[in-house]
């Protein structure tokens, strides 16, 4: 029996008028979080209050059914409940209950500690569709204490070289977490306008940044600068004089990371589960079967099978040619 339908690049819950993080315009779509690759102009969306506020800030208002964590609504005879995903502020997993069967879609997930997003825990279910961006054993991220040491060492090296330290991080989620960590190190932070705009939404939900200033608000001095990694945003780096850059990404564990992102250094820092956390989320869900997607979904399903968990990729691998 099919539970999740993959068609035209989007995912629909079978026998329900509900899509999951769809890119094409849909009548009703669950938005797990407000990253640009997960939002679109749908007729109506389901999301948490922070996600709705972030979507409004990024692309304007839209029709929405807004649900708090733990609140349940009914759609076409199915009960819908959202639970924290720990990825960014407002990110959610969606639990769909119908006919005594529990279906769970994780969206982007992080089980580790966070200073700026709600704490996630594995959710019990019968069938689970999970993202597996870092679903390979080589992706084991350092603890936040180790990350803090890496960031502090980069900042001090930059100052010793008479350069401004610039951390490159996506505007939503990773940048806010990085700001909190830099503040813990005792440094002031200057944010690119795109990051500042998102920080204002975070502040509205009680997450403040007391040592944060906006770019162009006075001299940089001995402060750390946060920029998005996109090349268009980096054009303003020339205003800062000599700089050293470090990209904050889970892909820092890959040898080609520095070349790929054009940064002086790479620091392993992600708002996704690493391999061990993905295995934990799968095991603690109690799911009878797990469907994998994103990342190396085929290989991660094999890793789960090796752990005694029934799993398969949502999208079957293409059949190899015989000749």
C-alpha atoms as a PDB file:
ATOM      1  CA  UNK A   1       0.000   0.000   0.000  1.00  0.00           C
ATOM      2  CA  UNK A   2       1.311   3.425  -0.934  1.00  0.00           C
ATOM      3  CA  UNK A   3       1.384   6.131   1.720  1.00  0.00           C
ATOM      4  CA  UNK A   4       3.419   8.873   0.045  1.00  0.00           C
ATOM      5  CA  UNK A   5       3.089   9.585  -3.689  1.00  0.00           C
ATOM      6  CA  UNK A   6       5.987  11.129  -5.588  1.00  0.00           C
ATOM      7  CA  UNK A   7       4.791  12.767  -8.787  1.00  0.00           C
ATOM      8  CA  UNK A   8       6.093  15.620 -10.914  1.00  0.00           C
ATOM      9  CA  UNK A   9       8.864  16.185  -8.388  1.00  0.00           C
ATOM     10  CA  UNK A  10       6.433  16.770  -5.489  1.00  0.00           C
ATOM     11  CA  UNK A  11       5.159  14.567  -2.658  1.00  0.00           C
ATOM     12  CA  UNK A  12       1.482  14.027  -1.866  1.00  0.00           C
ATOM     13  CA  UNK A  13      -0.043  12.036   0.979  1.00  0.00           C
ATOM     14  CA  UNK A  14      -1.984   9.221  -0.644  1.00  0.00           C
ATOM     15  CA  UNK A  15      -5.766   9.567  -0.551  1.00  0.00           C
ATOM     16  CA  UNK A  16      -5.514  13.065   0.911  1.00  0.00           C
ATOM     17  CA  UNK A  17      -5.612  16.495  -0.791  1.00  0.00           C
ATOM     18  CA  UNK A  18      -2.367  17.361   0.984  1.00  0.00           C
ATOM     19  CA  UNK A  19       1.115  17.942  -0.438  1.00  0.00           C
ATOM     20  CA  UNK A  20       4.368  18.089   1.513  1.00  0.00           C
ATOM     21  CA  UNK A  21       6.892  20.864   0.837  1.00  0.00           C
ATOM     22  CA  UNK A  22       5.781  21.017  -2.796  1.00  0.00           C
ATOM     23  CA  UNK A  23       7.458  23.376  -5.248  1.00  0.00           C
ATOM     24  CA  UNK A  24       4.656  23.499  -7.819  1.00  0.00           C
ATOM     25  CA  UNK A  25       1.510  25.460  -6.923  1.00  0.00           C
ATOM     26  CA  UNK A  26      -0.847  23.147  -4.984  1.00  0.00           C
ATOM     27  CA  UNK A  27      -4.336  23.554  -3.443  1.00  0.00           C
ATOM     28  CA  UNK A  28      -3.105  22.610   0.054  1.00  0.00           C
ATOM     29  CA  UNK A  29       0.555  22.230   1.003  1.00  0.00           C
ATOM     30  CA  UNK A  30       2.327  21.611   4.293  1.00  0.00           C
ATOM     31  CA  UNK A  31       5.374  23.873   4.630  1.00  0.00           C
ATOM     32  CA  UNK A  32       7.838  22.325   7.062  1.00  0.00           C
ATOM     33  CA  UNK A  33       9.946  25.499   7.326  1.00  0.00           C
ATOM     34  CA  UNK A  34      10.621  28.784   5.537  1.00  0.00           C
ATOM     35  CA  UNK A  35      13.799  28.065   3.578  1.00  0.00           C
ATOM     36  CA  UNK A  36      13.455  29.265  -0.014  1.00  0.00           C
ATOM     37  CA  UNK A  37      13.536  25.758  -1.503  1.00  0.00           C
ATOM     38  CA  UNK A  38      10.544  24.720   0.629  1.00  0.00           C
ATOM     39  CA  UNK A  39       8.112  27.577   0.027  1.00  0.00           C
ATOM     40  CA  UNK A  40       5.980  28.500  -2.959  1.00  0.00           C
ATOM     41  CA  UNK A  41       2.799  30.336  -3.909  1.00  0.00           C
ATOM     42  CA  UNK A  42       0.177  27.740  -3.025  1.00  0.00           C
ATOM     43  CA  UNK A  43      -3.539  28.332  -2.678  1.00  0.00           C
ATOM     44  CA  UNK A  44      -3.296  27.495   1.018  1.00  0.00           C
ATOM     45  CA  UNK A  45      -0.529  26.293   3.289  1.00  0.00           C
ATOM     46  CA  UNK A  46      -0.321  24.588   6.675  1.00  0.00           C
ATOM     47  CA  UNK A  47       2.518  25.735   8.931  1.00  0.00           C
ATOM     48  CA  UNK A  48       3.512  26.949  12.393  1.00  0.00           C
ATOM     49  CA  UNK A  49       3.207  30.616  13.464  1.00  0.00           C
ATOM     50  CA  UNK A  50       6.972  31.339  13.140  1.00  0.00           C
ATOM     51  CA  UNK A  51       7.098  29.739   9.702  1.00  0.00           C
ATOM     52  CA  UNK A  52       4.162  31.866   8.574  1.00  0.00           C
ATOM     53  CA  UNK A  53       5.871  35.038   9.858  1.00  0.00           C
ATOM     54  CA  UNK A  54       9.106  34.127   8.084  1.00  0.00           C
ATOM     55  CA  UNK A  55       7.267  33.390   4.823  1.00  0.00           C
ATOM     56  CA  UNK A  56       5.537  36.796   5.048  1.00  0.00           C
ATOM     57  CA  UNK A  57       8.923  38.462   5.520  1.00  0.00           C
ATOM     58  CA  UNK A  58      10.419  36.630   2.554  1.00  0.00           C
ATOM     59  CA  UNK A  59       7.620  36.603  -0.029  1.00  0.00           C
ATOM     60  CA  UNK A  60       4.578  38.412   1.354  1.00  0.00           C
ATOM     61  CA  UNK A  61       1.276  37.211   2.857  1.00  0.00           C
ATOM     62  CA  UNK A  62      -0.536  34.065   1.756  1.00  0.00           C
ATOM     63  CA  UNK A  63      -3.596  32.024   2.739  1.00  0.00           C
ATOM     64  CA  UNK A  64      -2.659  29.761   5.626  1.00  0.00           C
ATOM     65  CA  UNK A  65      -3.906  27.399   8.293  1.00  0.00           C
ATOM     66  CA  UNK A  66      -1.579  28.124  11.195  1.00  0.00           C
ATOM     67  CA  UNK A  67      -1.064  25.403  13.809  1.00  0.00           C
ATOM     68  CA  UNK A  68       0.906  25.438  17.043  1.00  0.00           C
ATOM     69  CA  UNK A  69       3.031  22.449  18.006  1.00  0.00           C
ATOM     70  CA  UNK A  70       0.888  19.711  19.516  1.00  0.00           C
ATOM     71  CA  UNK A  71      -2.361  21.186  18.136  1.00  0.00           C
ATOM     72  CA  UNK A  72      -4.495  18.824  16.017  1.00  0.00           C
ATOM     73  CA  UNK A  73      -6.774  19.670  13.097  1.00  0.00           C
ATOM     74  CA  UNK A  74      -8.791  17.417  10.773  1.00  0.00           C
ATOM     75  CA  UNK A  75      -8.477  17.226   6.983  1.00  0.00           C
ATOM     76  CA  UNK A  76     -10.661  14.838   4.951  1.00  0.00           C
ATOM     77  CA  UNK A  77     -11.061  12.523   7.932  1.00  0.00           C
ATOM     78  CA  UNK A  78      -7.370  12.528   8.875  1.00  0.00           C
ATOM     79  CA  UNK A  79      -5.938  14.121  12.026  1.00  0.00           C
ATOM     80  CA  UNK A  80      -2.962  16.445  11.490  1.00  0.00           C
ATOM     81  CA  UNK A  81      -0.518  17.367  14.263  1.00  0.00           C
ATOM     82  CA  UNK A  82       2.752  19.297  14.018  1.00  0.00           C
ATOM     83  CA  UNK A  83       5.842  18.584  16.137  1.00  0.00           C
ATOM     84  CA  UNK A  84       9.168  20.454  16.365  1.00  0.00           C
ATOM     85  CA  UNK A  85      11.832  19.524  13.806  1.00  0.00           C
ATOM     86  CA  UNK A  86      14.714  21.501  15.354  1.00  0.00           C
ATOM     87  CA  UNK A  87      15.942  22.664  11.932  1.00  0.00           C
ATOM     88  CA  UNK A  88      15.189  26.413  12.113  1.00  0.00           C
ATOM     89  CA  UNK A  89      12.724  28.565  14.031  1.00  0.00           C
ATOM     90  CA  UNK A  90       9.214  27.176  13.468  1.00  0.00           C
ATOM     91  CA  UNK A  91      10.310  24.070  11.558  1.00  0.00           C
ATOM     92  CA  UNK A  92       7.932  21.155  11.974  1.00  0.00           C
ATOM     93  CA  UNK A  93       7.360  17.492  11.425  1.00  0.00           C
ATOM     94  CA  UNK A  94       3.820  16.549  10.405  1.00  0.00           C
ATOM     95  CA  UNK A  95       2.030  13.533  11.876  1.00  0.00           C
ATOM     96  CA  UNK A  96      -0.972  12.290   9.881  1.00  0.00           C
ATOM     97  CA  UNK A  97      -3.310   9.841  11.631  1.00  0.00           C
ATOM     98  CA  UNK A  98      -6.048   7.975   9.808  1.00  0.00           C
ATOM     99  CA  UNK A  99      -7.656   4.553  10.211  1.00  0.00           C
ATOM    100  CA  UNK A 100      -5.371   3.770  13.180  1.00  0.00           C
ATOM    101  CA  UNK A 101      -2.282   4.381  11.031  1.00  0.00           C
ATOM    102  CA  UNK A 102       0.279   7.068  11.841  1.00  0.00           C
ATOM    103  CA  UNK A 103       2.261   8.612   8.978  1.00  0.00           C
ATOM    104  CA  UNK A 104       5.142  10.968   9.715  1.00  0.00           C
ATOM    105  CA  UNK A 105       6.970  13.343   7.396  1.00  0.00           C
ATOM    106  CA  UNK A 106      10.042  14.808   9.095  1.00  0.00           C
ATOM    107  CA  UNK A 107      10.999  17.558   6.678  1.00  0.00           C
ATOM    108  CA  UNK A 108      14.508  18.807   7.414  1.00  0.00           C
ATOM    109  CA  UNK A 109      15.357  17.562  10.875  1.00  0.00           C
ATOM    110  CA  UNK A 110      17.906  18.187  13.628  1.00  0.00           C
ATOM    111  CA  UNK A 111      17.846  16.448  17.003  1.00  0.00           C
ATOM    112  CA  UNK A 112      20.837  18.243  18.527  1.00  0.00           C
ATOM    113  CA  UNK A 113      20.744  21.245  20.825  1.00  0.00           C
ATOM    114  CA  UNK A 114      19.888  24.664  19.440  1.00  0.00           C
ATOM    115  CA  UNK A 115      19.948  28.218  20.751  1.00  0.00           C
ATOM    116  CA  UNK A 116      17.435  29.534  18.219  1.00  0.00           C
ATOM    117  CA  UNK A 117      14.993  26.773  17.278  1.00  0.00           C
ATOM    118  CA  UNK A 118      12.592  24.547  19.150  1.00  0.00           C
ATOM    119  CA  UNK A 119      14.043  21.268  20.454  1.00  0.00           C
ATOM    120  CA  UNK A 120      13.091  18.260  18.335  1.00  0.00           C
ATOM    121  CA  UNK A 121      12.640  14.685  19.458  1.00  0.00           C
ATOM    122  CA  UNK A 122      11.842  11.539  17.451  1.00  0.00           C
ATOM    123  CA  UNK A 123       8.090  11.085  16.917  1.00  0.00           C
ATOM    124  CA  UNK A 124       6.448   7.654  17.159  1.00  0.00           C
ATOM    125  CA  UNK A 125       4.707   6.511  13.985  1.00  0.00           C
ATOM    126  CA  UNK A 126       3.901   3.500  11.792  1.00  0.00           C
ATOM    127  CA  UNK A 127       5.345   4.777   8.503  1.00  0.00           C
ATOM    128  CA  UNK A 128       7.931   7.515   8.169  1.00  0.00           C
ATOM    129  CA  UNK A 129       9.177   9.650   5.304  1.00  0.00           C
ATOM    130  CA  UNK A 130      12.482  11.144   6.380  1.00  0.00           C
ATOM    131  CA  UNK A 131      14.997  13.450   4.790  1.00  0.00           C
ATOM    132  CA  UNK A 132      18.550  12.087   4.800  1.00  0.00           C
ATOM    133  CA  UNK A 133      20.702  14.947   3.535  1.00  0.00           C
ATOM    134  CA  UNK A 134      23.719  13.725   5.515  1.00  0.00           C
ATOM    135  CA  UNK A 135      22.852  10.035   5.406  1.00  0.00           C
ATOM    136  CA  UNK A 136      26.415   8.724   5.109  1.00  0.00           C
ATOM    137  CA  UNK A 137      28.681   7.596   7.997  1.00  0.00           C
ATOM    138  CA  UNK A 138      31.327  10.186   7.115  1.00  0.00           C
ATOM    139  CA  UNK A 139      28.986  12.961   8.247  1.00  0.00           C
ATOM    140  CA  UNK A 140      29.457  13.034  12.003  1.00  0.00           C
ATOM    141  CA  UNK A 141      29.390  16.645  13.177  1.00  0.00           C
ATOM    142  CA  UNK A 142      31.392  18.034  16.102  1.00  0.00           C
ATOM    143  CA  UNK A 143      29.596  18.982  19.310  1.00  0.00           C
ATOM    144  CA  UNK A 144      28.532  22.589  19.772  1.00  0.00           C
ATOM    145  CA  UNK A 145      31.384  23.038  22.259  1.00  0.00           C
ATOM    146  CA  UNK A 146      33.874  21.886  19.611  1.00  0.00           C
ATOM    147  CA  UNK A 147      32.191  24.102  17.009  1.00  0.00           C
ATOM    148  CA  UNK A 148      32.494  27.051  19.364  1.00  0.00           C
ATOM    149  CA  UNK A 149      36.241  26.386  19.705  1.00  0.00           C
ATOM    150  CA  UNK A 150      36.649  26.185  15.916  1.00  0.00           C
ATOM    151  CA  UNK A 151      34.798  29.455  15.417  1.00  0.00           C
ATOM    152  CA  UNK A 152      36.761  31.172  18.168  1.00  0.00           C
ATOM    153  CA  UNK A 153      40.077  30.006  16.715  1.00  0.00           C
ATOM    154  CA  UNK A 154      39.098  31.277  13.242  1.00  0.00           C
ATOM    155  CA  UNK A 155      38.082  34.663  14.647  1.00  0.00           C
ATOM    156  CA  UNK A 156      41.325  35.100  16.592  1.00  0.00           C
ATOM    157  CA  UNK A 157      43.460  34.042  13.587  1.00  0.00           C
ATOM    158  CA  UNK A 158      41.676  36.612  11.469  1.00  0.00           C
ATOM    159  CA  UNK A 159      42.239  39.410  13.962  1.00  0.00           C
ATOM    160  CA  UNK A 160      45.909  38.363  14.346  1.00  0.00           C
ATOM    161  CA  UNK A 161      46.255  38.730  10.554  1.00  0.00           C
ATOM    162  CA  UNK A 162      44.684  42.233  10.761  1.00  0.00           C
ATOM    163  CA  UNK A 163      41.623  40.959   8.883  1.00  0.00           C
ATOM    164  CA  UNK A 164      37.914  41.150   9.629  1.00  0.00           C
ATOM    165  CA  UNK A 165      36.508  37.660  10.308  1.00  0.00           C
ATOM    166  CA  UNK A 166      33.520  36.942   8.065  1.00  0.00           C
ATOM    167  CA  UNK A 167      31.290  33.936   8.685  1.00  0.00           C
ATOM    168  CA  UNK A 168      29.253  32.801   5.688  1.00  0.00           C
ATOM    169  CA  UNK A 169      25.904  31.283   6.656  1.00  0.00           C
ATOM    170  CA  UNK A 170      22.455  31.016   5.121  1.00  0.00           C
ATOM    171  CA  UNK A 171      20.278  33.964   6.100  1.00  0.00           C
ATOM    172  CA  UNK A 172      17.581  31.896   7.800  1.00  0.00           C
ATOM    173  CA  UNK A 173      18.453  29.572  10.630  1.00  0.00           C
ATOM    174  CA  UNK A 174      22.156  28.966  10.401  1.00  0.00           C
ATOM    175  CA  UNK A 175      23.018  32.675  10.589  1.00  0.00           C
ATOM    176  CA  UNK A 176      20.929  33.198  13.738  1.00  0.00           C
ATOM    177  CA  UNK A 177      22.470  30.168  15.433  1.00  0.00           C
ATOM    178  CA  UNK A 178      25.944  31.406  14.478  1.00  0.00           C
ATOM    179  CA  UNK A 179      25.210  34.875  15.899  1.00  0.00           C
ATOM    180  CA  UNK A 180      24.259  33.326  19.241  1.00  0.00           C
ATOM    181  CA  UNK A 181      27.488  31.306  19.304  1.00  0.00           C
ATOM    182  CA  UNK A 182      29.629  34.328  18.449  1.00  0.00           C
ATOM    183  CA  UNK A 183      27.889  36.298  21.205  1.00  0.00           C
ATOM    184  CA  UNK A 184      28.767  33.469  23.611  1.00  0.00           C
ATOM    185  CA  UNK A 185      32.405  34.046  22.625  1.00  0.00           C
ATOM    186  CA  UNK A 186      31.986  37.670  23.693  1.00  0.00           C
ATOM    187  CA  UNK A 187      32.242  39.323  20.280  1.00  0.00           C
ATOM    188  CA  UNK A 188      29.867  41.818  18.748  1.00  0.00           C
ATOM    189  CA  UNK A 189      28.305  40.826  15.421  1.00  0.00           C
ATOM    190  CA  UNK A 190      27.488  42.793  12.287  1.00  0.00           C
ATOM    191  CA  UNK A 191      24.883  41.263   9.966  1.00  0.00           C
ATOM    192  CA  UNK A 192      24.235  41.659   6.261  1.00  0.00           C
ATOM    193  CA  UNK A 193      20.761  43.240   5.666  1.00  0.00           C
ATOM    194  CA  UNK A 194      19.299  39.904   4.479  1.00  0.00           C
ATOM    195  CA  UNK A 195      20.310  38.287   7.777  1.00  0.00           C
ATOM    196  CA  UNK A 196      19.196  41.306   9.815  1.00  0.00           C
ATOM    197  CA  UNK A 197      15.709  41.073   8.279  1.00  0.00           C
ATOM    198  CA  UNK A 198      15.329  37.468   9.453  1.00  0.00           C
ATOM    199  CA  UNK A 199      16.706  38.341  12.898  1.00  0.00           C
ATOM    200  CA  UNK A 200      13.867  40.835  13.299  1.00  0.00           C
ATOM    201  CA  UNK A 201      11.350  37.992  12.873  1.00  0.00           C
ATOM    202  CA  UNK A 202      13.247  35.855  15.391  1.00  0.00           C
ATOM    203  CA  UNK A 203      13.140  38.765  17.855  1.00  0.00           C
ATOM    204  CA  UNK A 204       9.359  38.914  17.500  1.00  0.00           C
ATOM    205  CA  UNK A 205       9.278  35.329  18.807  1.00  0.00           C
ATOM    206  CA  UNK A 206      11.471  36.094  21.809  1.00  0.00           C
ATOM    207  CA  UNK A 207      14.928  35.294  20.420  1.00  0.00           C
ATOM    208  CA  UNK A 208      17.020  38.419  20.790  1.00  0.00           C
ATOM    209  CA  UNK A 209      20.565  39.241  19.699  1.00  0.00           C
ATOM    210  CA  UNK A 210      21.932  41.841  22.144  1.00  0.00           C
ATOM    211  CA  UNK A 211      25.360  42.201  20.502  1.00  0.00           C
ATOM    212  CA  UNK A 212      24.049  42.470  16.927  1.00  0.00           C
ATOM    213  CA  UNK A 213      24.303  45.488  14.613  1.00  0.00           C
ATOM    214  CA  UNK A 214      23.337  45.942  10.988  1.00  0.00           C
ATOM    215  CA  UNK A 215      25.941  46.386   8.267  1.00  0.00           C
ATOM    216  CA  UNK A 216      26.707  50.071   7.559  1.00  0.00           C
ATOM    217  CA  UNK A 217      25.817  51.075  11.123  1.00  0.00           C
ATOM    218  CA  UNK A 218      29.204  52.436  12.151  1.00  0.00           C
ATOM    219  CA  UNK A 219      32.752  51.035  11.934  1.00  0.00           C
ATOM    220  CA  UNK A 220      33.344  47.301  12.164  1.00  0.00           C
ATOM    221  CA  UNK A 221      36.091  47.420  14.780  1.00  0.00           C
ATOM    222  CA  UNK A 222      36.819  44.156  16.575  1.00  0.00           C
ATOM    223  CA  UNK A 223      33.561  42.509  15.598  1.00  0.00           C
ATOM    224  CA  UNK A 224      32.551  39.483  13.538  1.00  0.00           C
ATOM    225  CA  UNK A 225      30.601  39.923  10.303  1.00  0.00           C
ATOM    226  CA  UNK A 226      27.858  37.538   9.108  1.00  0.00           C
ATOM    227  CA  UNK A 227      27.151  37.308   5.376  1.00  0.00           C
ATOM    228  CA  UNK A 228      25.052  34.976   3.211  1.00  0.00           C
ATOM    229  CA  UNK A 229      27.261  32.693   1.088  1.00  0.00           C
ATOM    230  CA  UNK A 230      25.719  33.754  -2.239  1.00  0.00           C
ATOM    231  CA  UNK A 231      28.073  35.624  -4.569  1.00  0.00           C
ATOM    232  CA  UNK A 232      25.628  38.514  -5.021  1.00  0.00           C
ATOM    233  CA  UNK A 233      25.665  39.199  -1.282  1.00  0.00           C
ATOM    234  CA  UNK A 234      29.453  38.973  -1.101  1.00  0.00           C
ATOM    235  CA  UNK A 235      29.851  42.020  -3.329  1.00  0.00           C
ATOM    236  CA  UNK A 236      29.563  44.163  -0.183  1.00  0.00           C
ATOM    237  CA  UNK A 237      32.595  42.452   1.356  1.00  0.00           C
ATOM    238  CA  UNK A 238      34.799  44.999  -0.407  1.00  0.00           C
ATOM    239  CA  UNK A 239      33.491  47.628   2.017  1.00  0.00           C
ATOM    240  CA  UNK A 240      35.174  45.861   4.935  1.00  0.00           C
ATOM    241  CA  UNK A 241      38.803  46.028   3.837  1.00  0.00           C
ATOM    242  CA  UNK A 242      40.979  42.923   4.353  1.00  0.00           C
ATOM    243  CA  UNK A 243      38.819  39.928   5.334  1.00  0.00           C
ATOM    244  CA  UNK A 244      39.079  36.221   6.013  1.00  0.00           C
ATOM    245  CA  UNK A 245      36.035  34.059   5.333  1.00  0.00           C
ATOM    246  CA  UNK A 246      34.795  30.801   6.822  1.00  0.00           C
ATOM    247  CA  UNK A 247      31.788  28.937   5.449  1.00  0.00           C
ATOM    248  CA  UNK A 248      29.535  27.282   8.035  1.00  0.00           C
ATOM    249  CA  UNK A 249      28.199  24.062   6.523  1.00  0.00           C
ATOM    250  CA  UNK A 250      27.877  20.350   7.076  1.00  0.00           C
ATOM    251  CA  UNK A 251      29.670  19.871   3.758  1.00  0.00           C
ATOM    252  CA  UNK A 252      32.837  21.125   5.506  1.00  0.00           C
ATOM    253  CA  UNK A 253      33.587  17.439   6.094  1.00  0.00           C
ATOM    254  CA  UNK A 254      34.132  17.043   2.328  1.00  0.00           C
ATOM    255  CA  UNK A 255      37.612  17.752   0.981  1.00  0.00           C
ATOM    256  CA  UNK A 256      36.358  19.997  -1.830  1.00  0.00           C
ATOM    257  CA  UNK A 257      34.301  22.262   0.435  1.00  0.00           C
ATOM    258  CA  UNK A 258      36.705  25.218   0.524  1.00  0.00           C
ATOM    259  CA  UNK A 259      36.998  25.302  -3.267  1.00  0.00           C
ATOM    260  CA  UNK A 260      33.268  24.770  -3.764  1.00  0.00           C
ATOM    261  CA  UNK A 261      32.258  27.719  -1.558  1.00  0.00           C
ATOM    262  CA  UNK A 262      35.245  29.964  -2.259  1.00  0.00           C
ATOM    263  CA  UNK A 263      36.076  30.437   1.426  1.00  0.00           C
ATOM    264  CA  UNK A 264      39.366  30.624   3.294  1.00  0.00           C
ATOM    265  CA  UNK A 265      38.205  28.043   5.828  1.00  0.00           C
ATOM    266  CA  UNK A 266      35.333  25.601   6.346  1.00  0.00           C
ATOM    267  CA  UNK A 267      33.734  24.903   9.716  1.00  0.00           C
ATOM    268  CA  UNK A 268      31.444  21.857  10.146  1.00  0.00           C
ATOM    269  CA  UNK A 269      28.176  23.423  11.245  1.00  0.00           C
ATOM    270  CA  UNK A 270      24.744  22.221  10.172  1.00  0.00           C
ATOM    271  CA  UNK A 271      21.070  22.598  10.972  1.00  0.00           C
ATOM    272  CA  UNK A 272      20.433  19.009   9.830  1.00  0.00           C
ATOM    273  CA  UNK A 273      20.860  15.682  11.590  1.00  0.00           C
ATOM    274  CA  UNK A 274      24.206  14.035  11.069  1.00  0.00           C
ATOM    275  CA  UNK A 275      24.385  10.317  10.271  1.00  0.00           C
ATOM    276  CA  UNK A 276      24.153   9.147  13.889  1.00  0.00           C
ATOM    277  CA  UNK A 277      21.135  11.376  14.592  1.00  0.00           C
ATOM    278  CA  UNK A 278      19.354  10.124  11.470  1.00  0.00           C
ATOM    279  CA  UNK A 279      19.829   6.533  12.611  1.00  0.00           C
ATOM    280  CA  UNK A 280      18.541   7.504  16.061  1.00  0.00           C
ATOM    281  CA  UNK A 281      15.456   9.270  14.653  1.00  0.00           C
ATOM    282  CA  UNK A 282      14.639   6.229  12.532  1.00  0.00           C
ATOM    283  CA  UNK A 283      15.114   3.727  15.354  1.00  0.00           C
ATOM    284  CA  UNK A 284      13.222   5.720  17.995  1.00  0.00           C
ATOM    285  CA  UNK A 285      10.258   6.362  15.695  1.00  0.00           C
ATOM    286  CA  UNK A 286       9.261   2.699  15.991  1.00  0.00           C
ATOM    287  CA  UNK A 287       8.166   2.842  12.343  1.00  0.00           C
ATOM    288  CA  UNK A 288       7.289  -0.393  10.577  1.00  0.00           C
ATOM    289  CA  UNK A 289       8.810   1.050   7.420  1.00  0.00           C
ATOM    290  CA  UNK A 290      10.826   4.115   6.544  1.00  0.00           C
ATOM    291  CA  UNK A 291      10.913   5.895   3.201  1.00  0.00           C
ATOM    292  CA  UNK A 292      14.045   7.955   2.545  1.00  0.00           C
ATOM    293  CA  UNK A 293      14.481  10.995   0.333  1.00  0.00           C
ATOM    294  CA  UNK A 294      16.971  13.804  -0.314  1.00  0.00           C
ATOM    295  CA  UNK A 295      20.698  13.208  -0.105  1.00  0.00           C
ATOM    296  CA  UNK A 296      21.807   9.683  -0.945  1.00  0.00           C
ATOM    297  CA  UNK A 297      18.400   8.179  -0.192  1.00  0.00           C
ATOM    298  CA  UNK A 298      19.230   4.845  -1.821  1.00  0.00           C
ATOM    299  CA  UNK A 299      22.366   4.235   0.192  1.00  0.00           C
ATOM    300  CA  UNK A 300      20.870   5.509   3.448  1.00  0.00           C
ATOM    301  CA  UNK A 301      18.014   3.022   3.077  1.00  0.00           C
ATOM    302  CA  UNK A 302      20.664   0.299   2.861  1.00  0.00           C
ATOM    303  CA  UNK A 303      22.313   1.605   6.039  1.00  0.00           C
ATOM    304  CA  UNK A 304      18.949   1.431   7.811  1.00  0.00           C
ATOM    305  CA  UNK A 305      18.402  -2.130   6.635  1.00  0.00           C
ATOM    306  CA  UNK A 306      21.785  -3.035   8.088  1.00  0.00           C
ATOM    307  CA  UNK A 307      20.457  -1.743  11.417  1.00  0.00           C
ATOM    308  CA  UNK A 308      17.451  -4.056  11.126  1.00  0.00           C
ATOM    309  CA  UNK A 309      15.048  -1.305  10.038  1.00  0.00           C
ATOM    310  CA  UNK A 310      12.796  -1.896   7.024  1.00  0.00           C
ATOM    311  CA  UNK A 311      13.511   0.966   4.612  1.00  0.00           C
ATOM    312  CA  UNK A 312      13.389   1.930   0.970  1.00  0.00           C
ATOM    313  CA  UNK A 313      13.994   5.136  -1.014  1.00  0.00           C
ATOM    314  CA  UNK A 314      10.819   7.006  -1.889  1.00  0.00           C
ATOM    315  CA  UNK A 315      12.031   7.272  -5.472  1.00  0.00           C
ATOM    316  CA  UNK A 316      13.440   3.944  -6.747  1.00  0.00           C
ATOM    317  CA  UNK A 317      16.936   4.131  -8.261  1.00  0.00           C
ATOM    318  CA  UNK A 318      17.043   4.130 -12.068  1.00  0.00           C
ATOM    319  CA  UNK A 319      17.505   0.638 -13.479  1.00  0.00           C
ATOM    320  CA  UNK A 320      20.959   0.106 -14.911  1.00  0.00           C
ATOM    321  CA  UNK A 321      21.340  -0.640 -18.587  1.00  0.00           C
ATOM    322  CA  UNK A 322      21.949  -4.266 -19.502  1.00  0.00           C
ATOM    323  CA  UNK A 323      24.233  -3.463 -22.436  1.00  0.00           C
END
